[in-house]
Amino acid sequence: MLAALGLLGFARDVRNAYRNLRFIRPNSRYWRKGAPDGQPIPPFPLRILVAGSPDIGWFLESGRRGAESIRACLERSGLDLTRVAPILDFGCGCGRVTRHWAGNRVEVHGSDVNPKLVAWCRGHLASATFAANGQLPPTAYDEGRFGFVYALSVFTHLPETLQDAWMQELRRVLRPGGHLLLTTHGAHYMDEFTEDERRRFRAGLLVVRRDDRPGSNVCGAYHPEAFVRERLAKGFSVVEFVPKGALGNPWQDCWLLQRE
């Protein structure tokens, strides 16, 4: 069975190999042996969509780093997974980080705007419960349903109006005193800005590119620290801010907020 699954994985990846020849050899060991955690590996198109690369090793490693950085952030604030559960992975993709909570004996949910990603998670990751959400709130979750929500590289791809709407929704589904962890594009990216964007960022204003493609990788949002503290985090208190602290999403800033 494992060999058959490996051949299927090989066939899917070879269809796209003309663009990604350098990944065939590194990926081959996963086609033969599977993922170290024993869980299924998403197909090529989903890995590209979520991790920006067909490299299976990076997909697994970046998810592990994401989970570890979340755990470390909670521990620095005297929290652990069992105390903050149930957990919502908002923008879960194809389970890049969600899969790393398997075996922790905590209730985990995942939500994403892309129904194909949600369908794959439902069919392959039994340790969590998954649901699709629309591009606009609300979700189907009850008020105060979760003690902890994290959104990795989600607000980095939303225009300002959608950011406001989703922050209100995530606050709604958090219980009082619950925590929200999110990542943002911060000052690290200023070298890539135009002069006008640089002036806007330095003035503490959000910089958004391609707001006509909200939620896609084409849309990029860049958050000055002051914007997050004074605008985005309204209704929350800032527990921790770690510049470039999102280890699974290199160079993104990491924020831990608490619902007031």
Foldseek 3Di string as FASTA:
>chain_A
DLQVQLVVLLVQVVVVCVPPVVQNVQCNVCSNPNDPVPFHQDHQVLCCQPVVDSRSVLLQVLLVLQLVLVQVVQVVVVHHQVVFDPEEEEQCRLPSNPLVCPPVPGAYEYEHQDVVSQVNNVVTPPRYHYDYDHLFDDDPAAFQQGQEYEYECQVQQADDVRLQRVLVRVLRNHHAFGKYKYWFAEPVCLVVDDPVQNVCLVVQHKDWDPNVDGRGPRIGIYGYPSCCCPPSQVQWHWPDKAQQSSSSPGRIIMTMITGD
